[in-house]
């Protein structure tokens, strides 16, 4: 059992679907790490100037994923439900954009392939949470 799931299940204010929420939290943090590492790897490539958009997209996606993972870790009270939905939608959109950008370089750079995979997983997790919110 993940720490995220354990914390959600033991929180005094229960969440509707703890497994979905825990999976999304994990996907957000995994994606943030992959995007941060991918941006750094891009900076080490000889063709760094050609990877500027990828680096910026990685960094933006990492920041949005971190924020989303942190907010979801706190739970969604009734007063913040709209903001949580908006944040999860923004995370999904940032991950889609990052996956699309990294996929352009995936054949040449393994780190971009891995990052795109992490982004796609996060998109799926965000979509599952959004569907559960109704």
N, C-alpha and C. Protein backbone atom coordinates (compact mmCIF):
# COMPACT_ATOMS: atom_id res chain seq x y z
N UNK A 1 0.85 -1.18 0.00
CA UNK A 1 0.00 0.00 0.00
C UNK A 1 0.89 1.24 0.00
N UNK A 2 0.54 2.19 -0.82
CA UNK A 2 1.31 3.43 -0.90
C UNK A 2 1.02 4.30 0.33
N UNK A 3 1.96 5.18 0.63
CA UNK A 3 1.74 6.11 1.73
C UNK A 3 0.56 7.03 1.43
N UNK A 4 0.43 7.43 0.17
CA UNK A 4 -0.69 8.29 -0.19
C UNK A 4 -2.02 7.61 0.13
N UNK A 5 -2.15 6.35 -0.26
CA UNK A 5 -3.39 5.62 0.01
C UNK A 5 -3.60 5.45 1.51
N UNK A 6 -2.54 5.10 2.23
CA UNK A 6 -2.66 4.93 3.68
C UNK A 6 -3.11 6.22 4.35
N UNK A 7 -2.56 7.34 3.92
CA UNK A 7 -2.95 8.62 4.51
C UNK A 7 -4.40 8.97 4.18
N UNK A 8 -4.81 8.73 2.95
CA UNK A 8 -6.19 9.03 2.55
C UNK A 8 -7.16 8.16 3.34
N UNK A 9 -6.84 6.87 3.46
CA UNK A 9 -7.73 5.95 4.15
C UNK A 9 -7.81 6.23 5.65
N UNK A 10 -6.80 6.86 6.20
CA UNK A 10 -6.78 7.14 7.63
C UNK A 10 -7.07 8.60 7.97
N UNK A 11 -7.47 9.36 6.97
CA UNK A 11 -7.82 10.77 7.19
C UNK A 11 -9.20 10.83 7.85
N UNK A 12 -9.39 11.71 8.83
CA UNK A 12 -10.69 11.77 9.50
C UNK A 12 -11.84 12.24 8.61
N UNK A 13 -11.54 12.93 7.52
CA UNK A 13 -12.58 13.33 6.56
C UNK A 13 -12.43 12.44 5.34
N UNK A 14 -13.22 11.38 5.23
CA UNK A 14 -13.03 10.40 4.16
C UNK A 14 -13.21 10.98 2.76
N UNK A 15 -12.49 10.35 1.83
CA UNK A 15 -12.56 10.73 0.42
C UNK A 15 -13.39 9.68 -0.31
N UNK A 16 -14.05 10.09 -1.39
CA UNK A 16 -14.95 9.21 -2.13
C UNK A 16 -14.29 7.96 -2.69
N UNK A 17 -13.20 8.12 -3.43
CA UNK A 17 -12.53 6.98 -4.06
C UNK A 17 -11.04 7.06 -3.76
N UNK A 18 -10.63 6.54 -2.61
CA UNK A 18 -9.24 6.70 -2.19
C UNK A 18 -8.21 6.10 -3.14
N UNK A 19 -8.53 4.98 -3.78
CA UNK A 19 -7.56 4.36 -4.68
C UNK A 19 -7.28 5.24 -5.89
N UNK A 20 -8.34 5.82 -6.47
CA UNK A 20 -8.15 6.71 -7.62
C UNK A 20 -7.35 7.94 -7.24
N UNK A 21 -7.66 8.50 -6.09
CA UNK A 21 -6.97 9.69 -5.62
C UNK A 21 -5.50 9.39 -5.35
N UNK A 22 -5.22 8.27 -4.70
CA UNK A 22 -3.83 7.88 -4.40
C UNK A 22 -3.05 7.63 -5.68
N UNK A 23 -3.68 7.00 -6.66
CA UNK A 23 -3.01 6.74 -7.94
C UNK A 23 -2.69 8.06 -8.64
N UNK A 24 -3.59 9.00 -8.58
CA UNK A 24 -3.36 10.29 -9.23
C UNK A 24 -2.24 11.05 -8.52
N UNK A 25 -2.23 11.01 -7.20
CA UNK A 25 -1.16 11.67 -6.45
C UNK A 25 0.19 11.07 -6.85
N UNK A 26 0.28 9.75 -6.87
CA UNK A 26 1.53 9.08 -7.25
C UNK A 26 1.92 9.41 -8.68
N UNK A 27 0.95 9.42 -9.59
CA UNK A 27 1.24 9.73 -10.99
C UNK A 27 1.74 11.17 -11.14
N UNK A 28 1.15 12.08 -10.37
CA UNK A 28 1.59 13.48 -10.42
C UNK A 28 3.03 13.62 -9.96
N UNK A 29 3.36 13.00 -8.83
CA UNK A 29 4.72 13.12 -8.32
C UNK A 29 5.73 12.39 -9.20
N UNK A 30 5.35 11.23 -9.73
CA UNK A 30 6.23 10.51 -10.67
C UNK A 30 6.47 11.34 -11.92
N UNK A 31 5.42 11.95 -12.43
CA UNK A 31 5.53 12.76 -13.64
C UNK A 31 6.40 13.99 -13.38
N UNK A 32 6.23 14.62 -12.23
CA UNK A 32 7.05 15.79 -11.90
C UNK A 32 8.52 15.41 -11.87
N UNK A 33 8.83 14.25 -11.31
CA UNK A 33 10.22 13.80 -11.26
C UNK A 33 10.73 13.51 -12.67
N UNK A 34 9.94 12.82 -13.47
CA UNK A 34 10.36 12.49 -14.83
C UNK A 34 10.58 13.75 -15.66
N UNK A 35 9.69 14.71 -15.52
CA UNK A 35 9.82 15.96 -16.28
C UNK A 35 11.04 16.76 -15.84
N UNK A 36 11.30 16.80 -14.54
CA UNK A 36 12.47 17.51 -14.03
C UNK A 36 13.75 16.85 -14.55
N UNK A 37 13.80 15.52 -14.51
CA UNK A 37 14.97 14.80 -14.99
C UNK A 37 15.13 14.94 -16.50
N UNK A 38 14.02 14.93 -17.23
CA UNK A 38 14.07 15.07 -18.68
C UNK A 38 14.60 16.45 -19.06
N UNK A 39 14.12 17.48 -18.38
CA UNK A 39 14.61 18.84 -18.67
C UNK A 39 16.11 18.92 -18.44
N UNK A 40 16.57 18.32 -17.35
CA UNK A 40 18.00 18.33 -17.05
C UNK A 40 18.79 17.54 -18.10
N UNK A 41 18.24 16.40 -18.51
CA UNK A 41 18.91 15.60 -19.54
C UNK A 41 18.97 16.37 -20.86
N UNK A 42 17.89 17.07 -21.20
CA UNK A 42 17.88 17.88 -22.42
C UNK A 42 18.97 18.95 -22.37
N UNK A 43 19.18 19.52 -21.20
CA UNK A 43 20.22 20.55 -21.05
C UNK A 43 21.62 19.99 -21.27
N UNK A 44 21.77 18.68 -21.12
CA UNK A 44 23.07 18.04 -21.31
C UNK A 44 23.29 17.55 -22.74
N UNK A 45 22.26 17.63 -23.56
CA UNK A 45 22.38 17.19 -24.95
C UNK A 45 23.15 18.22 -25.77
N UNK A 46 23.88 17.75 -26.77
CA UNK A 46 24.63 18.65 -27.65
C UNK A 46 23.71 19.60 -28.41
N UNK A 47 22.52 19.14 -28.72
CA UNK A 47 21.57 19.95 -29.50
C UNK A 47 20.59 20.70 -28.58
N UNK A 48 21.10 21.20 -27.48
CA UNK A 48 20.26 21.82 -26.45
C UNK A 48 19.39 22.95 -27.01
N UNK A 49 19.90 23.71 -27.93
CA UNK A 49 19.13 24.83 -28.49
C UNK A 49 17.85 24.34 -29.17
N UNK A 50 17.91 23.15 -29.77
CA UNK A 50 16.74 22.59 -30.44
C UNK A 50 15.73 21.99 -29.46
N UNK A 51 16.12 21.91 -28.20
CA UNK A 51 15.26 21.30 -27.18
C UNK A 51 14.66 22.33 -26.22
N UNK A 52 14.77 23.61 -26.57
CA UNK A 52 14.27 24.66 -25.67
C UNK A 52 12.80 24.48 -25.32
N UNK A 53 11.98 24.23 -26.32
CA UNK A 53 10.55 24.06 -26.07
C UNK A 53 10.30 22.85 -25.18
N UNK A 54 11.03 21.79 -25.42
CA UNK A 54 10.89 20.59 -24.60
C UNK A 54 11.26 20.89 -23.15
N UNK A 55 12.35 21.60 -22.95
CA UNK A 55 12.80 21.93 -21.60
C UNK A 55 11.75 22.78 -20.88
N UNK A 56 11.26 23.80 -21.55
CA UNK A 56 10.24 24.66 -20.93
C UNK A 56 8.96 23.88 -20.62
N UNK A 57 8.56 23.04 -21.56
CA UNK A 57 7.34 22.25 -21.36
C UNK A 57 7.53 21.28 -20.20
N UNK A 58 8.70 20.65 -20.12
CA UNK A 58 9.02 19.77 -18.99
C UNK A 58 8.92 20.52 -17.67
N UNK A 59 9.53 21.68 -17.61
CA UNK A 59 9.54 22.45 -16.36
C UNK A 59 8.13 22.89 -15.96
N UNK A 60 7.35 23.36 -16.93
CA UNK A 60 5.98 23.76 -16.63
C UNK A 60 5.15 22.58 -16.14
N UNK A 61 5.29 21.46 -16.82
CA UNK A 61 4.54 20.27 -16.44
C UNK A 61 4.93 19.81 -15.04
N UNK A 62 6.22 19.81 -14.75
CA UNK A 62 6.68 19.40 -13.42
C UNK A 62 6.07 20.27 -12.33
N UNK A 63 6.05 21.57 -12.55
CA UNK A 63 5.49 22.48 -11.54
C UNK A 63 3.99 22.25 -11.34
N UNK A 64 3.26 22.07 -12.43
CA UNK A 64 1.81 21.84 -12.33
C UNK A 64 1.55 20.50 -11.64
N UNK A 65 2.32 19.48 -11.98
CA UNK A 65 2.15 18.17 -11.35
C UNK A 65 2.44 18.22 -9.86
N UNK A 66 3.50 18.92 -9.47
CA UNK A 66 3.81 19.05 -8.05
C UNK A 66 2.68 19.72 -7.30
N UNK A 67 2.19 20.82 -7.84
CA UNK A 67 1.09 21.54 -7.19
C UNK A 67 -0.15 20.65 -7.08
N UNK A 68 -0.45 19.92 -8.14
CA UNK A 68 -1.63 19.06 -8.14
C UNK A 68 -1.49 17.94 -7.12
N UNK A 69 -0.34 17.30 -7.10
CA UNK A 69 -0.11 16.23 -6.13
C UNK A 69 -0.23 16.72 -4.69
N UNK A 70 0.29 17.91 -4.44
CA UNK A 70 0.21 18.47 -3.08
C UNK A 70 -1.22 18.82 -2.70
N UNK A 71 -1.96 19.44 -3.60
CA UNK A 71 -3.34 19.81 -3.30
C UNK A 71 -4.20 18.56 -3.12
N UNK A 72 -4.03 17.57 -4.00
CA UNK A 72 -4.80 16.33 -3.85
C UNK A 72 -4.45 15.61 -2.56
N UNK A 73 -3.22 15.75 -2.10
CA UNK A 73 -2.81 15.12 -0.84
C UNK A 73 -3.55 15.72 0.35
N UNK A 74 -3.98 16.96 0.22
CA UNK A 74 -4.71 17.61 1.30
C UNK A 74 -6.20 17.28 1.27
N UNK A 75 -6.66 16.68 0.22
CA UNK A 75 -8.08 16.36 0.11
C UNK A 75 -8.85 17.53 -0.47
N UNK A 76 -10.04 17.25 -0.91
CA UNK A 76 -10.88 18.28 -1.54
C UNK A 76 -12.12 18.50 -0.69
N UNK A 77 -12.10 19.54 0.08
CA UNK A 77 -13.30 19.91 0.83
C UNK A 77 -14.32 20.51 -0.12
N UNK A 78 -15.53 20.65 0.36
CA UNK A 78 -16.60 21.20 -0.49
C UNK A 78 -16.27 22.60 -0.99
N UNK A 79 -15.58 23.39 -0.17
CA UNK A 79 -15.29 24.77 -0.58
C UNK A 79 -14.22 24.85 -1.65
N UNK A 80 -13.42 23.80 -1.81
CA UNK A 80 -12.34 23.84 -2.80
C UNK A 80 -12.56 22.92 -3.98
N UNK A 81 -13.72 22.29 -4.07
CA UNK A 81 -13.97 21.30 -5.12
C UNK A 81 -13.79 21.89 -6.52
N UNK A 82 -14.25 23.10 -6.75
CA UNK A 82 -14.12 23.73 -8.07
C UNK A 82 -12.66 23.99 -8.39
N UNK A 83 -11.92 24.47 -7.42
CA UNK A 83 -10.49 24.73 -7.63
C UNK A 83 -9.73 23.44 -7.88
N UNK A 84 -10.09 22.39 -7.15
CA UNK A 84 -9.42 21.09 -7.34
C UNK A 84 -9.69 20.57 -8.74
N UNK A 85 -10.93 20.65 -9.18
CA UNK A 85 -11.27 20.21 -10.54
C UNK A 85 -10.46 20.99 -11.57
N UNK A 86 -10.38 22.30 -11.40
CA UNK A 86 -9.63 23.14 -12.34
C UNK A 86 -8.16 22.78 -12.35
N UNK A 87 -7.61 22.51 -11.17
CA UNK A 87 -6.19 22.15 -11.08
C UNK A 87 -5.92 20.80 -11.74
N UNK A 88 -6.79 19.82 -11.50
CA UNK A 88 -6.61 18.50 -12.11
C UNK A 88 -6.75 18.61 -13.63
N UNK A 89 -7.68 19.44 -14.10
CA UNK A 89 -7.80 19.66 -15.55
C UNK A 89 -6.54 20.31 -16.11
N UNK A 90 -5.99 21.28 -15.39
CA UNK A 90 -4.76 21.94 -15.83
C UNK A 90 -3.60 20.96 -15.86
N UNK A 91 -3.55 20.07 -14.88
CA UNK A 91 -2.49 19.06 -14.84
C UNK A 91 -2.62 18.12 -16.03
N UNK A 92 -3.83 17.66 -16.28
CA UNK A 92 -4.07 16.79 -17.43
C UNK A 92 -3.62 17.47 -18.72
N UNK A 93 -3.97 18.74 -18.88
CA UNK A 93 -3.62 19.47 -20.10
C UNK A 93 -2.11 19.70 -20.22
N UNK A 94 -1.46 20.02 -19.10
CA UNK A 94 0.00 20.21 -19.12
C UNK A 94 0.70 18.91 -19.46
N UNK A 95 0.20 17.81 -18.92
CA UNK A 95 0.80 16.50 -19.21
C UNK A 95 0.59 16.10 -20.67
N UNK A 96 -0.57 16.40 -21.22
CA UNK A 96 -0.82 16.11 -22.64
C UNK A 96 0.17 16.88 -23.52
N UNK A 97 0.33 18.16 -23.21
CA UNK A 97 1.25 19.00 -23.99
C UNK A 97 2.68 18.50 -23.86
N UNK A 98 3.07 18.13 -22.67
CA UNK A 98 4.44 17.67 -22.45
C UNK A 98 4.67 16.32 -23.14
N UNK A 99 3.70 15.43 -23.06
CA UNK A 99 3.84 14.14 -23.74
C UNK A 99 3.99 14.35 -25.24
N UNK A 100 3.18 15.23 -25.80
CA UNK A 100 3.25 15.50 -27.25
C UNK A 100 4.61 16.07 -27.63
N UNK A 101 5.13 16.98 -26.82
CA UNK A 101 6.44 17.57 -27.10
C UNK A 101 7.55 16.53 -26.98
N UNK A 102 7.54 15.77 -25.90
CA UNK A 102 8.59 14.77 -25.69
C UNK A 102 8.55 13.67 -26.75
N UNK A 103 7.35 13.31 -27.20
CA UNK A 103 7.24 12.27 -28.22
C UNK A 103 7.93 12.67 -29.52
N UNK A 104 8.06 13.96 -29.77
CA UNK A 104 8.77 14.42 -30.97
C UNK A 104 10.25 14.07 -30.92
N UNK A 105 10.78 13.85 -29.72
CA UNK A 105 12.21 13.57 -29.55
C UNK A 105 12.47 12.15 -29.04
N UNK A 106 11.41 11.37 -28.87
CA UNK A 106 11.52 10.08 -28.20
C UNK A 106 12.41 9.08 -28.92
N UNK A 107 12.43 9.12 -30.24
CA UNK A 107 13.28 8.18 -30.97
C UNK A 107 14.76 8.50 -30.81
N UNK A 108 15.06 9.76 -30.61
CA UNK A 108 16.45 10.18 -30.49
C UNK A 108 16.93 10.21 -29.04
N UNK A 109 16.00 10.49 -28.11
CA UNK A 109 16.37 10.66 -26.70
C UNK A 109 15.48 9.77 -25.83
N UNK A 110 16.07 8.76 -25.24
CA UNK A 110 15.32 7.84 -24.39
C UNK A 110 14.67 8.57 -23.21
N UNK A 111 15.32 9.60 -22.69
CA UNK A 111 14.74 10.33 -21.57
C UNK A 111 13.43 10.99 -21.97
N UNK A 112 13.30 11.42 -23.21
CA UNK A 112 12.05 12.00 -23.68
C UNK A 112 10.96 10.93 -23.81
N UNK A 113 11.34 9.74 -24.22
CA UNK A 113 10.37 8.65 -24.32
C UNK A 113 9.82 8.31 -22.93
N UNK A 114 10.71 8.21 -21.97
CA UNK A 114 10.30 7.89 -20.60
C UNK A 114 9.40 8.99 -20.03
N UNK A 115 9.78 10.22 -20.28
CA UNK A 115 8.99 11.36 -19.79
C UNK A 115 7.60 11.36 -20.42
N UNK A 116 7.52 11.12 -21.70
CA UNK A 116 6.22 11.07 -22.38
C UNK A 116 5.34 9.98 -21.78
N UNK A 117 5.94 8.85 -21.46
CA UNK A 117 5.21 7.74 -20.84
C UNK A 117 4.66 8.16 -19.47
N UNK A 118 5.49 8.82 -18.67
CA UNK A 118 5.03 9.29 -17.35
C UNK A 118 3.91 10.31 -17.50
N UNK A 119 4.03 11.17 -18.49
CA UNK A 119 2.99 12.17 -18.74
C UNK A 119 1.68 11.52 -19.14
N UNK A 120 1.74 10.51 -20.01
CA UNK A 120 0.52 9.83 -20.44
C UNK A 120 -0.15 9.12 -19.26
N UNK A 121 0.66 8.52 -18.39
CA UNK A 121 0.11 7.87 -17.19
C UNK A 121 -0.60 8.90 -16.31
N UNK A 122 -0.01 10.07 -16.17
CA UNK A 122 -0.61 11.12 -15.35
C UNK A 122 -1.91 11.63 -15.98
N UNK A 123 -1.93 11.75 -17.30
CA UNK A 123 -3.17 12.14 -17.99
C UNK A 123 -4.28 11.15 -17.65
N UNK A 124 -3.98 9.87 -17.73
CA UNK A 124 -4.99 8.84 -17.44
C UNK A 124 -5.47 8.93 -16.00
N UNK A 125 -4.55 9.15 -15.07
CA UNK A 125 -4.92 9.25 -13.65
C UNK A 125 -5.77 10.50 -13.40
N UNK A 126 -5.41 11.60 -14.03
CA UNK A 126 -6.21 12.83 -13.89
C UNK A 126 -7.61 12.63 -14.46
N UNK A 127 -7.70 11.98 -15.61
CA UNK A 127 -9.01 11.74 -16.21
C UNK A 127 -9.88 10.86 -15.33
N UNK A 128 -9.27 9.88 -14.67
CA UNK A 128 -10.03 9.01 -13.76
C UNK A 128 -10.56 9.80 -12.57
N UNK A 129 -9.74 10.68 -12.02
CA UNK A 129 -10.19 11.51 -10.89
C UNK A 129 -11.30 12.45 -11.36
N UNK A 130 -11.12 13.06 -12.51
CA UNK A 130 -12.15 13.98 -13.03
C UNK A 130 -13.48 13.25 -13.24
N UNK A 131 -13.42 12.04 -13.77
CA UNK A 131 -14.64 11.25 -13.98
C UNK A 131 -15.32 10.93 -12.65
N UNK A 132 -14.52 10.69 -11.62
CA UNK A 132 -15.09 10.36 -10.30
C UNK A 132 -15.72 11.58 -9.63
N UNK A 133 -15.28 12.77 -10.03
CA UNK A 133 -15.84 14.00 -9.45
C UNK A 133 -17.21 14.32 -10.03
N UNK A 134 -17.51 13.69 -11.17
CA UNK A 134 -18.82 13.88 -11.80
C UNK A 134 -18.98 15.11 -12.62
